[in-house]
Protein backbone atom coordinates (compact mmCIF):
# COMPACT_ATOMS: atom_id res chain seq x y z
CA UNK A 1 0.00 0.00 0.00
CA UNK A 2 2.82 2.37 0.85
CA UNK A 3 4.28 1.92 -2.66
CA UNK A 4 0.97 3.09 -4.21
CA UNK A 5 1.06 6.24 -2.11
CA UNK A 6 4.65 6.95 -3.25
CA UNK A 7 3.62 6.46 -6.88
CA UNK A 8 0.73 8.91 -6.51
CA UNK A 9 3.07 11.41 -4.85
CA UNK A 10 5.59 10.99 -7.64
CA UNK A 11 2.87 11.48 -10.26
CA UNK A 12 1.72 14.65 -8.51
CA UNK A 13 5.32 15.81 -8.26
CA UNK A 14 5.80 15.35 -12.00
CA UNK A 15 2.61 17.34 -12.67
CA UNK A 16 3.80 20.18 -10.43
CA UNK A 17 7.27 20.24 -11.98
CA UNK A 18 5.83 20.21 -15.48
CA UNK A 19 3.88 23.37 -14.77
CA UNK A 20 6.92 25.15 -13.25
CA UNK A 21 9.81 23.80 -15.28
CA UNK A 22 9.98 26.51 -17.96
CA UNK A 23 9.67 29.31 -15.42
CA UNK A 24 12.40 27.73 -13.29
CA UNK A 25 14.70 27.49 -16.31
CA UNK A 26 14.15 31.18 -17.14
CA UNK A 27 14.93 32.11 -13.53
CA UNK A 28 18.16 30.11 -13.61
CA UNK A 29 19.09 31.55 -17.00
CA UNK A 30 18.79 35.03 -15.52
CA UNK A 31 20.76 34.00 -12.42
CA UNK A 32 23.46 32.65 -14.73
CA UNK A 33 23.46 35.95 -16.63
CA UNK A 34 22.42 34.36 -19.91
CA UNK A 35 24.80 31.40 -19.80
CA UNK A 36 22.34 28.84 -21.15
CA UNK A 37 24.53 25.72 -20.75
CA UNK A 38 25.19 26.51 -17.08
CA UNK A 39 21.52 27.30 -16.45
CA UNK A 40 20.41 24.06 -18.10
CA UNK A 41 22.92 22.02 -16.09
CA UNK A 42 21.80 23.64 -12.85
CA UNK A 43 18.12 23.16 -13.73
CA UNK A 44 18.68 19.49 -14.48
CA UNK A 45 20.60 18.97 -11.26
CA UNK A 46 17.99 20.87 -9.22
CA UNK A 47 15.13 18.86 -10.71
CA UNK A 48 16.92 15.61 -9.91
CA UNK A 49 17.52 16.79 -6.34
CA UNK A 50 13.88 17.83 -6.02
CA UNK A 51 12.69 14.49 -7.39
CA UNK A 52 14.86 12.61 -4.92
CA UNK A 53 13.56 14.79 -2.08
CA UNK A 54 9.91 14.69 -3.23
CA UNK A 55 8.89 12.44 -0.37
CA UNK A 56 10.00 15.16 2.05
CA UNK A 57 7.90 17.85 0.36
CA UNK A 58 5.12 19.08 2.64
CA UNK A 59 2.06 19.88 0.52
CA UNK A 60 1.18 22.71 2.91
CA UNK A 61 4.24 24.58 1.57
CA UNK A 62 4.09 26.48 -1.68
CA UNK A 63 5.57 24.08 -4.22
CA UNK A 64 7.26 26.74 -6.32
CA UNK A 65 9.03 28.24 -3.29
CA UNK A 66 10.24 24.76 -2.29
CA UNK A 67 11.47 24.05 -5.83
CA UNK A 68 13.12 27.47 -6.21
CA UNK A 69 14.92 27.04 -2.89
CA UNK A 70 16.41 23.77 -4.18
CA UNK A 71 17.32 25.45 -7.49
CA UNK A 72 18.86 28.46 -5.76
CA UNK A 73 20.95 26.26 -3.46
CA UNK A 74 22.04 24.22 -6.48
CA UNK A 75 23.01 27.48 -8.21
CA UNK A 76 25.09 28.54 -5.19
CA UNK A 77 26.81 25.14 -5.12
CA UNK A 78 27.63 25.40 -8.81
CA UNK A 79 29.06 28.92 -8.35
CA UNK A 80 31.40 27.65 -5.65
CA UNK A 81 32.63 24.97 -8.05
CA UNK A 82 32.90 27.25 -11.07
CA UNK A 83 34.93 29.92 -9.26
CA UNK A 84 37.73 27.43 -9.08
CA UNK A 85 37.54 26.68 -12.80
CA UNK A 86 36.90 29.98 -14.58
CA UNK A 87 35.47 33.48 -14.36
CA UNK A 88 31.90 34.11 -15.49
CA UNK A 89 33.07 37.40 -17.03
CA UNK A 90 34.98 35.50 -19.70
CA UNK A 91 31.72 34.07 -21.04
CA UNK A 92 30.00 37.47 -21.05
CA UNK A 93 32.90 39.19 -22.82
CA UNK A 94 33.19 36.41 -25.41
CA UNK A 95 29.77 37.28 -26.89
CA UNK A 96 29.57 39.98 -29.55
CA UNK A 97 27.42 42.92 -28.36
CA UNK A 98 25.38 43.00 -31.60
CA UNK A 99 24.80 39.26 -31.99
CA UNK A 100 21.73 38.61 -34.11
CA UNK A 101 20.85 35.37 -32.39
CA UNK A 102 17.74 35.62 -30.19
CA UNK A 103 19.54 33.89 -27.35
CA UNK A 104 21.57 37.08 -26.87
CA UNK A 105 18.77 39.63 -26.98
CA UNK A 106 19.02 40.18 -23.23
CA UNK A 107 22.81 40.31 -23.22
CA UNK A 108 23.02 43.85 -21.83
CA UNK A 109 20.64 42.98 -19.00
CA UNK A 110 22.60 39.82 -18.23
CA UNK A 111 25.84 41.79 -18.24
CA UNK A 112 24.34 44.32 -15.79
CA UNK A 113 22.98 41.52 -13.58
CA UNK A 114 26.38 39.85 -13.69
CA UNK A 115 27.89 42.88 -11.99
CA UNK A 116 25.55 42.55 -9.01
CA UNK A 117 26.46 40.44 -5.99
CA UNK A 118 24.65 37.08 -6.16
CA UNK A 119 22.33 37.85 -3.24
CA UNK A 120 21.21 41.14 -4.79
CA UNK A 121 20.78 39.54 -8.21
CA UNK A 122 18.70 36.71 -6.76
CA UNK A 123 16.47 39.08 -4.78
CA UNK A 124 15.92 41.30 -7.86
CA UNK A 125 15.08 38.34 -10.09
CA UNK A 126 12.74 36.64 -7.64
CA UNK A 127 10.91 39.87 -6.85
CA UNK A 128 10.70 41.53 -10.26
CA UNK A 129 10.91 38.62 -12.68
CA UNK A 130 9.07 35.95 -10.72
CA UNK A 131 6.78 38.14 -8.61
CA UNK A 132 7.59 36.59 -5.24
CA UNK A 133 6.85 38.51 -2.07
CA UNK A 134 9.59 39.55 0.36
CA UNK A 135 8.45 36.82 2.73
CA UNK A 136 8.60 34.14 0.00
CA UNK A 137 12.04 35.29 -1.13
CA UNK A 138 13.27 35.13 2.46
CA UNK A 139 12.10 31.51 2.61
CA UNK A 140 13.71 30.61 -0.70
CA UNK A 141 17.11 32.12 0.09
CA UNK A 142 16.85 31.22 3.78
CA UNK A 143 17.40 34.76 4.99
CA UNK A 144 15.46 37.32 7.02
CA UNK A 145 12.87 39.57 5.40
CA UNK A 146 14.91 42.64 6.41
CA UNK A 147 17.98 41.22 4.69
CA UNK A 148 15.95 40.61 1.51
CA UNK A 149 14.62 44.18 1.61
CA UNK A 150 18.19 45.50 1.90
CA UNK A 151 19.34 43.27 -0.96
CA UNK A 152 16.50 44.52 -3.16
CA UNK A 153 17.23 48.15 -2.33
CA UNK A 154 20.97 47.80 -2.89
CA UNK A 155 20.41 45.76 -6.04
CA UNK A 156 18.14 48.42 -7.54
CA UNK A 157 20.66 51.14 -6.72
CA UNK A 158 23.51 49.16 -8.20
CA UNK A 159 21.53 48.43 -11.36
CA UNK A 160 20.73 52.13 -11.76
CA UNK A 161 24.42 52.97 -11.50
CA UNK A 162 25.43 50.22 -13.92
CA UNK A 163 22.84 51.12 -16.54
CA UNK A 164 23.76 54.82 -16.46
C-alpha atoms as a PDB file:
ATOM      1  CA  UNK A   1       0.000   0.000   0.000  1.00  0.00           C
ATOM      2  CA  UNK A   2       2.823   2.372   0.854  1.00  0.00           C
ATOM      3  CA  UNK A   3       4.278   1.919  -2.660  1.00  0.00           C
ATOM      4  CA  UNK A   4       0.973   3.089  -4.206  1.00  0.00           C
ATOM      5  CA  UNK A   5       1.064   6.244  -2.113  1.00  0.00           C
ATOM      6  CA  UNK A   6       4.650   6.946  -3.251  1.00  0.00           C
ATOM      7  CA  UNK A   7       3.622   6.461  -6.880  1.00  0.00           C
ATOM      8  CA  UNK A   8       0.729   8.909  -6.509  1.00  0.00           C
ATOM      9  CA  UNK A   9       3.070  11.411  -4.854  1.00  0.00           C
ATOM     10  CA  UNK A  10       5.595  10.990  -7.644  1.00  0.00           C
ATOM     11  CA  UNK A  11       2.872  11.483 -10.258  1.00  0.00           C
ATOM     12  CA  UNK A  12       1.717  14.646  -8.505  1.00  0.00           C
ATOM     13  CA  UNK A  13       5.316  15.809  -8.255  1.00  0.00           C
ATOM     14  CA  UNK A  14       5.796  15.348 -12.001  1.00  0.00           C
ATOM     15  CA  UNK A  15       2.610  17.337 -12.668  1.00  0.00           C
ATOM     16  CA  UNK A  16       3.796  20.179 -10.434  1.00  0.00           C
ATOM     17  CA  UNK A  17       7.268  20.243 -11.983  1.00  0.00           C
ATOM     18  CA  UNK A  18       5.827  20.209 -15.485  1.00  0.00           C
ATOM     19  CA  UNK A  19       3.882  23.371 -14.768  1.00  0.00           C
ATOM     20  CA  UNK A  20       6.916  25.153 -13.247  1.00  0.00           C
ATOM     21  CA  UNK A  21       9.808  23.804 -15.284  1.00  0.00           C
ATOM     22  CA  UNK A  22       9.977  26.509 -17.965  1.00  0.00           C
ATOM     23  CA  UNK A  23       9.675  29.308 -15.416  1.00  0.00           C
ATOM     24  CA  UNK A  24      12.395  27.729 -13.295  1.00  0.00           C
ATOM     25  CA  UNK A  25      14.702  27.487 -16.306  1.00  0.00           C
ATOM     26  CA  UNK A  26      14.154  31.177 -17.136  1.00  0.00           C
ATOM     27  CA  UNK A  27      14.931  32.114 -13.535  1.00  0.00           C
ATOM     28  CA  UNK A  28      18.156  30.111 -13.607  1.00  0.00           C
ATOM     29  CA  UNK A  29      19.094  31.550 -17.003  1.00  0.00           C
ATOM     30  CA  UNK A  30      18.790  35.031 -15.517  1.00  0.00           C
ATOM     31  CA  UNK A  31      20.764  33.996 -12.416  1.00  0.00           C
ATOM     32  CA  UNK A  32      23.458  32.651 -14.726  1.00  0.00           C
ATOM     33  CA  UNK A  33      23.463  35.953 -16.628  1.00  0.00           C
ATOM     34  CA  UNK A  34      22.423  34.357 -19.912  1.00  0.00           C
ATOM     35  CA  UNK A  35      24.802  31.403 -19.800  1.00  0.00           C
ATOM     36  CA  UNK A  36      22.340  28.837 -21.146  1.00  0.00           C
ATOM     37  CA  UNK A  37      24.532  25.716 -20.752  1.00  0.00           C
ATOM     38  CA  UNK A  38      25.187  26.506 -17.079  1.00  0.00           C
ATOM     39  CA  UNK A  39      21.520  27.305 -16.455  1.00  0.00           C
ATOM     40  CA  UNK A  40      20.409  24.057 -18.102  1.00  0.00           C
ATOM     41  CA  UNK A  41      22.915  22.018 -16.094  1.00  0.00           C
ATOM     42  CA  UNK A  42      21.797  23.635 -12.849  1.00  0.00           C
ATOM     43  CA  UNK A  43      18.121  23.162 -13.726  1.00  0.00           C
ATOM     44  CA  UNK A  44      18.677  19.493 -14.475  1.00  0.00           C
ATOM     45  CA  UNK A  45      20.604  18.969 -11.257  1.00  0.00           C
ATOM     46  CA  UNK A  46      17.987  20.874  -9.221  1.00  0.00           C
ATOM     47  CA  UNK A  47      15.126  18.863 -10.711  1.00  0.00           C
ATOM     48  CA  UNK A  48      16.916  15.610  -9.914  1.00  0.00           C
ATOM     49  CA  UNK A  49      17.521  16.792  -6.344  1.00  0.00           C
ATOM     50  CA  UNK A  50      13.885  17.831  -6.016  1.00  0.00           C
ATOM     51  CA  UNK A  51      12.695  14.494  -7.393  1.00  0.00           C
ATOM     52  CA  UNK A  52      14.861  12.611  -4.922  1.00  0.00           C
ATOM     53  CA  UNK A  53      13.562  14.794  -2.076  1.00  0.00           C
ATOM     54  CA  UNK A  54       9.913  14.693  -3.226  1.00  0.00           C
ATOM     55  CA  UNK A  55       8.890  12.436  -0.366  1.00  0.00           C
ATOM     56  CA  UNK A  56      10.004  15.163   2.046  1.00  0.00           C
ATOM     57  CA  UNK A  57       7.895  17.847   0.365  1.00  0.00           C
ATOM     58  CA  UNK A  58       5.124  19.082   2.641  1.00  0.00           C
ATOM     59  CA  UNK A  59       2.065  19.883   0.519  1.00  0.00           C
ATOM     60  CA  UNK A  60       1.184  22.712   2.908  1.00  0.00           C
ATOM     61  CA  UNK A  61       4.241  24.579   1.569  1.00  0.00           C
ATOM     62  CA  UNK A  62       4.087  26.483  -1.684  1.00  0.00           C
ATOM     63  CA  UNK A  63       5.574  24.077  -4.223  1.00  0.00           C
ATOM     64  CA  UNK A  64       7.259  26.742  -6.323  1.00  0.00           C
ATOM     65  CA  UNK A  65       9.026  28.241  -3.294  1.00  0.00           C
ATOM     66  CA  UNK A  66      10.242  24.764  -2.292  1.00  0.00           C
ATOM     67  CA  UNK A  67      11.468  24.053  -5.827  1.00  0.00           C
ATOM     68  CA  UNK A  68      13.121  27.469  -6.209  1.00  0.00           C
ATOM     69  CA  UNK A  69      14.924  27.041  -2.887  1.00  0.00           C
ATOM     70  CA  UNK A  70      16.413  23.775  -4.180  1.00  0.00           C
ATOM     71  CA  UNK A  71      17.320  25.445  -7.489  1.00  0.00           C
ATOM     72  CA  UNK A  72      18.856  28.463  -5.759  1.00  0.00           C
ATOM     73  CA  UNK A  73      20.953  26.259  -3.465  1.00  0.00           C
ATOM     74  CA  UNK A  74      22.043  24.218  -6.482  1.00  0.00           C
ATOM     75  CA  UNK A  75      23.009  27.480  -8.208  1.00  0.00           C
ATOM     76  CA  UNK A  76      25.086  28.540  -5.187  1.00  0.00           C
ATOM     77  CA  UNK A  77      26.813  25.142  -5.115  1.00  0.00           C
ATOM     78  CA  UNK A  78      27.627  25.403  -8.814  1.00  0.00           C
ATOM     79  CA  UNK A  79      29.062  28.915  -8.346  1.00  0.00           C
ATOM     80  CA  UNK A  80      31.396  27.650  -5.654  1.00  0.00           C
ATOM     81  CA  UNK A  81      32.630  24.968  -8.050  1.00  0.00           C
ATOM     82  CA  UNK A  82      32.898  27.253 -11.068  1.00  0.00           C
ATOM     83  CA  UNK A  83      34.927  29.922  -9.259  1.00  0.00           C
ATOM     84  CA  UNK A  84      37.727  27.431  -9.076  1.00  0.00           C
ATOM     85  CA  UNK A  85      37.542  26.677 -12.804  1.00  0.00           C
ATOM     86  CA  UNK A  86      36.902  29.983 -14.584  1.00  0.00           C
ATOM     87  CA  UNK A  87      35.470  33.476 -14.361  1.00  0.00           C
ATOM     88  CA  UNK A  88      31.900  34.109 -15.490  1.00  0.00           C
ATOM     89  CA  UNK A  89      33.073  37.400 -17.025  1.00  0.00           C
ATOM     90  CA  UNK A  90      34.983  35.498 -19.698  1.00  0.00           C
ATOM     91  CA  UNK A  91      31.720  34.073 -21.041  1.00  0.00           C
ATOM     92  CA  UNK A  92      30.001  37.469 -21.046  1.00  0.00           C
ATOM     93  CA  UNK A  93      32.902  39.190 -22.821  1.00  0.00           C
ATOM     94  CA  UNK A  94      33.192  36.414 -25.413  1.00  0.00           C
ATOM     95  CA  UNK A  95      29.773  37.284 -26.892  1.00  0.00           C
ATOM     96  CA  UNK A  96      29.573  39.978 -29.548  1.00  0.00           C
ATOM     97  CA  UNK A  97      27.419  42.924 -28.364  1.00  0.00           C
ATOM     98  CA  UNK A  98      25.378  43.003 -31.598  1.00  0.00           C
ATOM     99  CA  UNK A  99      24.802  39.263 -31.994  1.00  0.00           C
ATOM    100  CA  UNK A 100      21.734  38.609 -34.108  1.00  0.00           C
ATOM    101  CA  UNK A 101      20.848  35.371 -32.389  1.00  0.00           C
ATOM    102  CA  UNK A 102      17.737  35.622 -30.195  1.00  0.00           C
ATOM    103  CA  UNK A 103      19.537  33.890 -27.349  1.00  0.00           C
ATOM    104  CA  UNK A 104      21.569  37.077 -26.875  1.00  0.00           C
ATOM    105  CA  UNK A 105      18.769  39.635 -26.984  1.00  0.00           C
ATOM    106  CA  UNK A 106      19.016  40.184 -23.227  1.00  0.00           C
ATOM    107  CA  UNK A 107      22.813  40.312 -23.221  1.00  0.00           C
ATOM    108  CA  UNK A 108      23.019  43.852 -21.832  1.00  0.00           C
ATOM    109  CA  UNK A 109      20.639  42.980 -18.998  1.00  0.00           C
ATOM    110  CA  UNK A 110      22.602  39.818 -18.225  1.00  0.00           C
ATOM    111  CA  UNK A 111      25.844  41.795 -18.245  1.00  0.00           C
ATOM    112  CA  UNK A 112      24.343  44.317 -15.791  1.00  0.00           C
ATOM    113  CA  UNK A 113      22.981  41.524 -13.582  1.00  0.00           C
ATOM    114  CA  UNK A 114      26.383  39.846 -13.688  1.00  0.00           C
ATOM    115  CA  UNK A 115      27.888  42.884 -11.986  1.00  0.00           C
ATOM    116  CA  UNK A 116      25.550  42.554  -9.006  1.00  0.00           C
ATOM    117  CA  UNK A 117      26.465  40.438  -5.995  1.00  0.00           C
ATOM    118  CA  UNK A 118      24.655  37.083  -6.160  1.00  0.00           C
ATOM    119  CA  UNK A 119      22.333  37.853  -3.244  1.00  0.00           C
ATOM    120  CA  UNK A 120      21.207  41.140  -4.786  1.00  0.00           C
ATOM    121  CA  UNK A 121      20.777  39.535  -8.213  1.00  0.00           C
ATOM    122  CA  UNK A 122      18.705  36.715  -6.760  1.00  0.00           C
ATOM    123  CA  UNK A 123      16.467  39.076  -4.780  1.00  0.00           C
ATOM    124  CA  UNK A 124      15.923  41.297  -7.855  1.00  0.00           C
ATOM    125  CA  UNK A 125      15.085  38.338 -10.095  1.00  0.00           C
ATOM    126  CA  UNK A 126      12.741  36.639  -7.636  1.00  0.00           C
ATOM    127  CA  UNK A 127      10.913  39.871  -6.851  1.00  0.00           C
ATOM    128  CA  UNK A 128      10.698  41.531 -10.257  1.00  0.00           C
ATOM    129  CA  UNK A 129      10.907  38.618 -12.679  1.00  0.00           C
ATOM    130  CA  UNK A 130       9.069  35.950 -10.718  1.00  0.00           C
ATOM    131  CA  UNK A 131       6.777  38.144  -8.611  1.00  0.00           C
ATOM    132  CA  UNK A 132       7.587  36.594  -5.242  1.00  0.00           C
ATOM    133  CA  UNK A 133       6.854  38.512  -2.070  1.00  0.00           C
ATOM    134  CA  UNK A 134       9.590  39.553   0.356  1.00  0.00           C
ATOM    135  CA  UNK A 135       8.452  36.817   2.729  1.00  0.00           C
ATOM    136  CA  UNK A 136       8.601  34.142   0.003  1.00  0.00           C
ATOM    137  CA  UNK A 137      12.043  35.289  -1.132  1.00  0.00           C
ATOM    138  CA  UNK A 138      13.272  35.128   2.458  1.00  0.00           C
ATOM    139  CA  UNK A 139      12.102  31.507   2.612  1.00  0.00           C
ATOM    140  CA  UNK A 140      13.710  30.609  -0.704  1.00  0.00           C
ATOM    141  CA  UNK A 141      17.109  32.120   0.093  1.00  0.00           C
ATOM    142  CA  UNK A 142      16.849  31.218   3.784  1.00  0.00           C
ATOM    143  CA  UNK A 143      17.404  34.756   4.992  1.00  0.00           C
ATOM    144  CA  UNK A 144      15.458  37.316   7.016  1.00  0.00           C
ATOM    145  CA  UNK A 145      12.874  39.572   5.398  1.00  0.00           C
ATOM    146  CA  UNK A 146      14.906  42.640   6.415  1.00  0.00           C
ATOM    147  CA  UNK A 147      17.980  41.218   4.688  1.00  0.00           C
ATOM    148  CA  UNK A 148      15.953  40.606   1.507  1.00  0.00           C
ATOM    149  CA  UNK A 149      14.616  44.179   1.611  1.00  0.00           C
ATOM    150  CA  UNK A 150      18.186  45.503   1.898  1.00  0.00           C
ATOM    151  CA  UNK A 151      19.342  43.266  -0.961  1.00  0.00           C
ATOM    152  CA  UNK A 152      16.496  44.524  -3.159  1.00  0.00           C
ATOM    153  CA  UNK A 153      17.228  48.146  -2.329  1.00  0.00           C
ATOM    154  CA  UNK A 154      20.967  47.798  -2.887  1.00  0.00           C
ATOM    155  CA  UNK A 155      20.406  45.763  -6.036  1.00  0.00           C
ATOM    156  CA  UNK A 156      18.137  48.419  -7.539  1.00  0.00           C
ATOM    157  CA  UNK A 157      20.661  51.143  -6.722  1.00  0.00           C
ATOM    158  CA  UNK A 158      23.515  49.160  -8.199  1.00  0.00           C
ATOM    159  CA  UNK A 159      21.531  48.426 -11.363  1.00  0.00           C
ATOM    160  CA  UNK A 160      20.730  52.129 -11.764  1.00  0.00           C
ATOM    161  CA  UNK A 161      24.420  52.969 -11.501  1.00  0.00           C
ATOM    162  CA  UNK A 162      25.433  50.217 -13.917  1.00  0.00           C
ATOM    163  CA  UNK A 163      22.840  51.115 -16.538  1.00  0.00           C
ATOM    164  CA  UNK A 164      23.765  54.816 -16.464  1.00  0.00           C
END
